[in-house]
Protein backbone atom coordinates (compact mmCIF):
# COMPACT_ATOMS: atom_id res chain seq x y z
CA MET A 1 -0.39 -0.46 -0.09
CA GLU A 2 1.18 3.51 -0.81
CA ALA A 3 0.25 7.08 -0.88
CA LYS A 4 2.57 9.30 -0.77
CA ASN A 5 2.75 13.56 0.00
CA ILE A 6 -1.25 13.84 -0.57
CA MET A 7 -1.88 16.06 3.36
CA ILE A 8 -6.08 16.72 3.84
CA ARG A 9 -5.70 19.52 6.54
CA THR A 10 -9.34 19.16 8.10
CA GLU A 11 -11.98 16.30 7.90
CA LYS A 12 -14.94 17.95 5.45
CA VAL A 13 -15.32 14.95 3.72
CA LEU A 14 -17.84 14.13 0.68
CA SER A 15 -17.90 10.67 -1.11
CA VAL A 16 -20.24 10.73 -4.19
CA SER A 17 -21.04 7.73 -6.11
CA TRP A 18 -23.02 7.75 -9.89
CA VAL A 19 -25.49 4.86 -9.20
CA ASP A 20 -28.44 3.94 -6.52
CA HIS A 21 -26.01 1.63 -4.31
CA HIS A 22 -23.01 -0.09 -4.16
CA ARG A 23 -21.82 -1.84 -1.16
CA ARG A 24 -17.92 -1.19 -2.00
CA SER A 25 -18.37 2.22 -1.82
CA ALA A 26 -20.88 2.52 0.57
CA GLU A 27 -18.69 0.58 3.30
CA LEU A 28 -15.68 2.59 1.97
CA ALA A 29 -17.41 6.08 3.01
CA GLY A 30 -18.48 4.35 6.08
CA ALA A 31 -15.10 2.89 7.29
CA LEU A 32 -14.01 6.52 6.76
CA GLY A 33 -16.40 7.94 8.82
CA VAL A 34 -18.06 9.76 5.57
CA GLU A 35 -21.85 9.36 4.61
CA PRO A 36 -22.49 8.47 1.27
CA THR A 37 -24.18 9.97 -0.71
CA PHE A 38 -25.93 8.00 -4.28
CA VAL A 39 -26.56 10.51 -7.02
CA ARG A 40 -29.06 8.92 -8.44
CA SER A 41 -31.15 9.82 -11.79
CA ASN A 42 -34.13 7.88 -12.88
CA ALA A 43 -34.45 9.68 -16.79
CA ARG A 44 -34.41 7.38 -19.73
CA PHE A 45 -31.79 8.17 -21.85
CA LEU A 46 -28.29 8.54 -20.65
CA PRO A 47 -27.08 11.57 -21.44
CA VAL A 48 -29.99 13.41 -19.60
CA ARG A 49 -29.42 11.35 -16.57
CA TYR A 50 -25.68 12.61 -16.32
CA PHE A 51 -26.22 15.95 -16.83
CA ARG A 52 -28.31 15.22 -13.67
CA GLN A 53 -25.97 13.73 -12.06
CA TRP A 54 -23.84 16.82 -12.87
CA ILE A 55 -26.36 19.13 -11.67
CA ALA A 56 -27.30 17.41 -8.36
CA THR A 57 -23.11 17.25 -8.18
CA TRP A 58 -22.51 20.58 -8.61
CA ARG A 59 -24.75 21.54 -6.22
CA LEU A 60 -23.41 19.21 -3.30
CA LEU A 61 -20.00 20.80 -4.06
CA ALA A 62 -20.77 23.82 -3.42
CA THR A 63 -20.45 22.89 0.47
CA ASP A 64 -16.58 22.96 -0.32
CA ALA A 65 -15.62 20.32 1.07
CA ASP A 66 -11.48 19.97 1.87
CA ALA A 67 -11.91 16.66 0.35
CA VAL A 68 -14.81 14.51 -2.01
CA LEU A 69 -14.02 10.97 -2.47
CA VAL A 70 -15.53 9.92 -6.44
CA MET A 71 -16.92 6.10 -6.84
CA GLN A 72 -15.33 5.58 -10.95
CA PRO A 73 -16.92 5.05 -13.13
CA PRO A 74 -18.43 6.88 -14.78
CA VAL A 75 -15.20 9.48 -15.83
CA LEU A 76 -17.58 12.13 -15.37
CA SER A 77 -19.00 12.31 -12.17
CA LEU A 78 -14.59 13.01 -11.25
CA ALA A 79 -14.67 15.28 -14.09
CA CYS A 80 -17.88 17.29 -11.97
CA ALA A 81 -15.36 17.62 -8.70
CA TYR A 82 -12.24 17.80 -10.36
CA LEU A 83 -13.83 21.57 -12.84
CA HIS A 84 -16.47 22.28 -9.59
CA THR A 85 -13.88 22.54 -6.91
CA ASN A 86 -11.24 24.73 -6.04
CA ARG A 87 -7.25 23.52 -6.22
CA ARG A 88 -6.68 23.12 -2.68
CA THR A 89 -9.34 20.36 -2.51
CA THR A 90 -7.94 16.85 -2.65
CA LEU A 91 -9.83 14.63 -4.90
CA ILE A 92 -10.05 10.55 -4.44
CA GLY A 93 -10.54 8.71 -6.57
CA ASP A 94 -11.80 5.05 -5.34
CA LEU A 95 -11.42 3.31 -8.41
CA HIS A 96 -13.15 0.10 -9.10
CA THR A 97 -12.04 -2.53 -11.96
CA GLY A 98 -14.20 -1.25 -14.77
CA THR A 99 -11.98 2.29 -14.76
CA PHE A 100 -9.47 0.26 -16.80
CA ARG A 101 -11.44 -2.44 -17.81
CA ASP A 102 -15.16 -2.16 -19.29
CA PRO A 103 -14.85 -1.15 -22.90
CA ARG A 104 -17.51 1.51 -22.32
CA TRP A 105 -15.08 3.18 -19.80
CA LYS A 106 -11.41 1.99 -20.16
CA TRP A 107 -10.83 4.80 -23.04
CA ALA A 108 -11.20 7.03 -19.92
CA ALA A 109 -8.85 5.70 -17.55
CA PRO A 110 -5.92 8.23 -18.66
CA LEU A 111 -7.66 11.39 -17.92
CA VAL A 112 -9.05 9.45 -14.83
CA LEU A 113 -5.12 9.17 -13.91
CA ALA A 114 -4.01 12.82 -15.00
CA MET A 115 -7.06 14.33 -12.50
CA LEU A 116 -5.66 12.15 -9.91
CA ARG A 117 -2.08 12.93 -10.42
CA LYS A 118 -2.40 16.76 -10.14
CA ARG A 119 -5.07 16.66 -7.11
CA GLY A 120 -5.16 13.99 -5.14
CA PHE A 121 -4.76 10.06 -4.72
CA ALA A 122 -6.34 6.98 -6.06
CA VAL A 123 -7.96 4.11 -3.77
CA VAL A 124 -8.40 0.96 -5.49
CA PRO A 125 -9.13 -2.54 -4.41
CA ASN A 126 -5.71 -4.39 -5.76
CA GLU A 127 -2.37 -4.55 -6.16
CA ALA A 128 -2.44 -5.33 -9.56
CA LEU A 129 -4.95 -1.92 -10.17
CA ALA A 130 -1.86 -0.48 -7.78
CA GLU A 131 0.78 -0.49 -9.97
CA LEU A 132 -1.21 1.27 -12.88
CA CYS A 133 -1.66 4.06 -11.10
CA ARG A 134 1.80 3.93 -9.62
CA SER A 135 2.67 3.27 -13.59
CA SER A 136 1.11 6.88 -13.93
CA ASP A 137 2.95 8.66 -10.60
CA VAL A 138 -0.78 8.12 -9.82
CA PRO A 139 -0.06 8.07 -5.16
CA VAL A 140 -2.43 4.86 -4.41
CA VAL A 141 -3.52 2.97 -1.19
CA VAL A 142 -4.34 -0.71 -1.71
CA SER A 143 -8.52 -0.93 0.09
CA HIS A 144 -10.61 -3.64 -1.16
CA GLY A 145 -13.08 -2.22 1.23
CA TYR A 146 -14.81 -3.42 4.31
CA LEU A 147 -15.38 -6.11 5.24
CA THR A 148 -17.52 -7.17 8.22
CA GLU A 149 -19.08 -10.12 9.44
CA PHE A 150 -22.41 -11.09 8.46
CA ASP A 151 -24.73 -11.21 11.26
CA PHE A 152 -27.12 -14.21 10.56
CA ALA A 153 -29.12 -12.56 13.55
CA LYS A 154 -31.38 -10.04 11.46
CA VAL A 155 -32.16 -12.43 8.53
CA SER A 156 -35.35 -14.02 10.28
CA GLU A 157 -35.84 -16.17 7.48
CA ALA A 158 -35.44 -17.53 3.78
CA PRO A 159 -36.86 -15.11 0.96
CA THR A 160 -39.62 -16.49 -0.71
CA MET A 161 -37.98 -17.47 -3.80
CA VAL A 162 -36.57 -20.37 -2.16
CA ARG A 163 -37.56 -23.10 -0.05
CA ASP A 164 -36.47 -23.66 4.17
CA GLY A 165 -34.21 -25.62 4.28
CA LEU A 166 -33.30 -26.22 0.38
CA SER A 167 -29.29 -26.80 0.03
CA PHE A 168 -28.87 -23.74 -3.37
CA VAL A 169 -25.26 -22.52 -4.98
CA LEU A 170 -26.09 -18.25 -5.04
CA VAL A 171 -24.74 -16.68 -7.98
CA PRO A 172 -25.29 -12.76 -7.30
CA LEU A 173 -24.73 -11.51 -11.23
CA ALA A 174 -25.31 -8.04 -12.89
CA PHE A 175 -24.72 -8.87 -16.88
CA ALA A 176 -22.12 -7.57 -16.94
CA TYR A 177 -19.55 -7.53 -19.74
CA ASP A 178 -17.02 -9.55 -17.76
CA GLU A 179 -19.08 -12.75 -15.86
CA PRO A 180 -19.73 -16.29 -18.18
CA ILE A 181 -23.32 -16.29 -18.01
CA ASP A 182 -24.08 -18.77 -21.14
CA GLU A 183 -21.02 -20.47 -19.03
CA ILE A 184 -22.80 -20.79 -15.42
CA LEU A 185 -25.99 -21.95 -17.52
CA GLU A 186 -24.11 -24.91 -18.83
CA ALA A 187 -23.37 -25.71 -15.72
CA ALA A 188 -26.50 -25.77 -14.24
CA ARG A 189 -27.49 -28.08 -16.79
CA ILE A 190 -25.10 -30.03 -16.45
CA THR A 191 -25.94 -30.99 -12.54
CA PRO A 192 -29.24 -31.75 -12.24
CA GLN A 193 -28.85 -32.74 -8.42
CA LEU A 194 -28.52 -29.03 -7.38
CA THR A 195 -30.31 -25.67 -6.97
CA TRP A 196 -28.05 -22.73 -8.70
CA VAL A 197 -30.26 -19.13 -7.52
CA LEU A 198 -29.23 -16.18 -10.04
CA THR A 199 -29.77 -13.09 -9.15
CA GLY A 200 -29.99 -9.69 -10.80
CA LYS A 201 -32.45 -8.83 -13.53
CA ALA A 202 -31.26 -10.86 -16.54
CA PRO A 203 -32.03 -10.69 -20.43
CA GLN A 204 -35.14 -12.50 -22.16
CA SER A 205 -32.78 -14.73 -23.78
CA VAL A 206 -31.41 -16.19 -20.05
CA ALA A 207 -35.14 -16.42 -19.10
CA ALA A 208 -35.70 -18.92 -22.11
CA SER A 209 -32.64 -20.72 -21.59
CA ALA A 210 -32.22 -21.52 -18.24
CA PRO A 211 -32.71 -24.92 -17.15
CA LYS A 212 -34.88 -26.02 -14.26
CA ASN A 213 -33.03 -26.17 -11.79
CA LEU A 214 -32.41 -22.85 -11.88
CA ILE A 215 -33.93 -20.25 -10.35
CA LEU A 216 -33.73 -16.25 -11.34
CA THR A 217 -35.04 -14.11 -9.09
CA GLY A 218 -34.59 -10.51 -10.75
CA PHE A 219 -33.79 -7.88 -8.32
CA VAL A 220 -34.52 -8.79 -5.00
CA SER A 221 -34.26 -6.02 -2.29
CA LYS A 222 -31.86 -5.74 0.45
CA GLU A 223 -33.75 -8.07 2.90
CA GLU A 224 -34.57 -10.59 0.17
CA TYR A 225 -30.58 -10.84 -0.73
CA SER A 226 -29.71 -10.82 2.68
CA GLY A 227 -32.25 -14.42 3.10
CA LEU A 228 -30.10 -15.56 0.08
CA ARG A 229 -26.40 -14.24 2.19
CA ALA A 230 -27.84 -16.09 4.98
CA ASN A 231 -28.98 -19.61 3.35
CA ALA A 232 -26.32 -20.05 0.38
CA SER A 233 -24.73 -23.59 0.83
CA VAL A 234 -22.13 -22.08 -1.57
CA VAL A 235 -21.50 -19.17 -3.70
CA LEU A 236 -20.25 -19.01 -6.83
CA ALA A 237 -18.21 -15.22 -8.31
CA ALA A 238 -16.88 -15.96 -11.74
CA THR A 239 -15.13 -13.87 -13.87
CA THR A 240 -13.84 -13.12 -17.51
CA ALA A 241 -11.74 -10.50 -16.02
CA GLU A 242 -8.22 -10.67 -15.23
CA ASP A 243 -7.97 -7.56 -12.50
CA THR A 244 -11.38 -7.84 -11.23
CA MET A 245 -12.29 -8.36 -7.44
CA GLN A 246 -16.14 -10.23 -6.62
CA SER A 247 -18.21 -8.50 -4.26
CA ALA A 248 -19.75 -11.82 -4.44
CA GLY A 249 -16.60 -13.11 -2.96
CA TYR A 250 -16.54 -10.56 0.16
CA GLU A 251 -20.27 -11.33 1.28
CA ALA A 252 -19.36 -15.76 1.16
CA LEU A 253 -15.99 -14.51 2.83
CA ALA A 254 -18.34 -12.20 5.36
CA ALA A 255 -20.36 -14.87 5.61
CA GLY A 256 -17.72 -17.38 6.16
CA THR A 257 -19.62 -19.06 2.86
CA PRO A 258 -17.75 -21.58 0.98
CA LEU A 259 -16.97 -19.55 -2.54
CA VAL A 260 -15.99 -20.95 -5.77
CA THR A 261 -14.06 -18.23 -7.54
CA THR A 262 -11.96 -17.41 -10.78
CA PRO A 263 -8.28 -18.90 -10.90
CA THR A 264 -7.36 -15.09 -11.63
CA LYS A 265 -3.99 -13.55 -9.97
CA VAL A 266 -5.99 -10.82 -7.67
CA LEU A 267 -8.46 -13.74 -6.80
CA ARG A 268 -6.27 -16.52 -5.40
CA GLU A 269 -3.91 -13.67 -3.95
CA TYR A 270 -7.13 -12.86 -1.63
CA PHE A 271 -8.28 -15.11 -0.77
CA GLY A 272 -5.95 -18.12 -1.53
CA ASP A 273 -6.79 -21.41 0.40
CA ALA A 274 -10.05 -21.06 1.32
CA ALA A 275 -11.87 -20.91 -1.88
CA LEU A 276 -12.14 -23.68 -4.76
CA TYR A 277 -10.96 -22.32 -8.00
CA ALA A 278 -13.21 -22.61 -11.50
CA ALA A 279 -12.08 -21.70 -15.12
CA PRO A 280 -15.09 -19.46 -16.59
CA LYS A 281 -16.20 -22.84 -18.70
CA ALA A 282 -19.62 -25.11 -17.79
CA ASP A 283 -17.40 -28.63 -16.96
CA SER A 284 -15.06 -26.97 -14.46
CA ILE A 285 -17.75 -24.61 -12.81
CA ALA A 286 -20.23 -27.48 -12.07
CA GLU A 287 -16.75 -29.47 -11.02
CA GLN A 288 -16.15 -27.06 -9.01
CA VAL A 289 -19.30 -26.72 -7.23
CA SER A 290 -19.97 -30.23 -6.90
CA HIS A 291 -16.47 -30.48 -5.17
CA ALA A 292 -17.79 -27.54 -3.09
CA PHE A 293 -20.78 -28.85 -1.62
CA MET A 294 -19.49 -32.32 -0.78
CA ASN A 295 -16.89 -30.17 1.30
CA LEU A 296 -18.94 -27.91 3.01
CA PRO A 297 -17.51 -27.50 6.80
CA TYR A 298 -14.24 -28.13 6.01
CA LEU A 299 -14.25 -25.34 3.48
CA ALA A 300 -16.42 -22.61 5.73
CA ASN A 301 -13.38 -23.39 8.31
CA ARG A 302 -11.16 -21.98 5.73
CA MET A 303 -13.03 -18.51 5.05
CA GLU A 304 -14.09 -17.86 8.74
CA GLY A 305 -9.97 -18.25 9.21
CA LEU A 306 -9.14 -16.16 6.57
CA ARG A 307 -11.72 -13.32 7.72
CA LYS A 308 -10.21 -12.46 10.23
CA MET A 309 -6.60 -12.08 9.04
CA ARG A 310 -8.31 -9.77 6.12
CA ILE A 311 -9.73 -7.78 8.76
CA ALA A 312 -7.22 -6.97 10.39
CA GLU A 313 -4.67 -5.88 6.86
CA GLN A 314 -8.10 -3.84 5.92
CA ASP A 315 -7.81 -1.71 8.59
CA GLU A 316 -3.81 -0.72 8.94
CA ALA A 317 -5.79 0.88 5.07
CA ILE A 318 -8.73 2.18 6.48
CA ALA A 319 -6.70 3.62 9.38
CA GLN A 320 -3.59 5.14 6.31
CA ILE A 321 -6.59 6.39 4.90
CA LYS A 322 -8.22 8.21 7.61
CA SER A 323 -4.81 9.94 9.11
CA ARG A 324 -4.33 11.80 5.14
CA ILE A 325 -8.07 12.92 5.89
CA ARG A 326 -7.50 13.86 9.03
CA GLU A 327 -4.39 15.23 8.82
């Protein structure tokens, strides 16, 4: 972890994310003692939506914060903060993997880094992204987020889309560019003895081709999702992107739930031997998910041990960021 020559003299900090909600953004802001602000717009057309979010953010920036924590992407939110704050305001870029890898936004990564190099520093979820920042002379802190132990006591029952006592693998999805959806559907098809539960708004093509042992929940409430997390036997967090950390993986770790994820460098480095690894191919996914069901107690114990270690590491990272905000 590294952050150099960045000093914020007061604690007046604004957190801005141009999404309805994001777990990492909310937890990072909360860990820093900052109230997260999610700037939403329901406009149908993207240019109108971004225009409204820009105006709303501009108004927020009128509070004259000494530091602004901005989730990336989209680059427009950081550009708004860059243009509508004075030169003494430090910009903290919460750079998600999509900043560098999402086809919609990777073109803007040089601009993001240029703004942070001039006015602030970056916070990234893994060392691979930190190296990209360092190569552009952008000061950076590695913070995976803010992991907390899942509170099972707050979950009263299983959500209505699954039966009480049903064993299932939970697959949280955004149906994003890096999710191997077709391979996951095929993995479910070749394991009819298992129940697969996929969250998120599935395209019609996915719903039409889903096998009978697969449940598509659509969008779920926070309470329903907590119920799914509490009752899942296994979590699958699969990606085709090399430098992508997995929110679903963090959530499995928080709950001590056995995890199957992708054998990328960043995921292997973070989860080590506490998780099982499957290439983003149907046969590999099916094999490793089946193996996880046969080793539930062992894998749960491995996840619980890893959780203790990662919480200690993240507390150090958060303390480093706080020290710069409060100096």
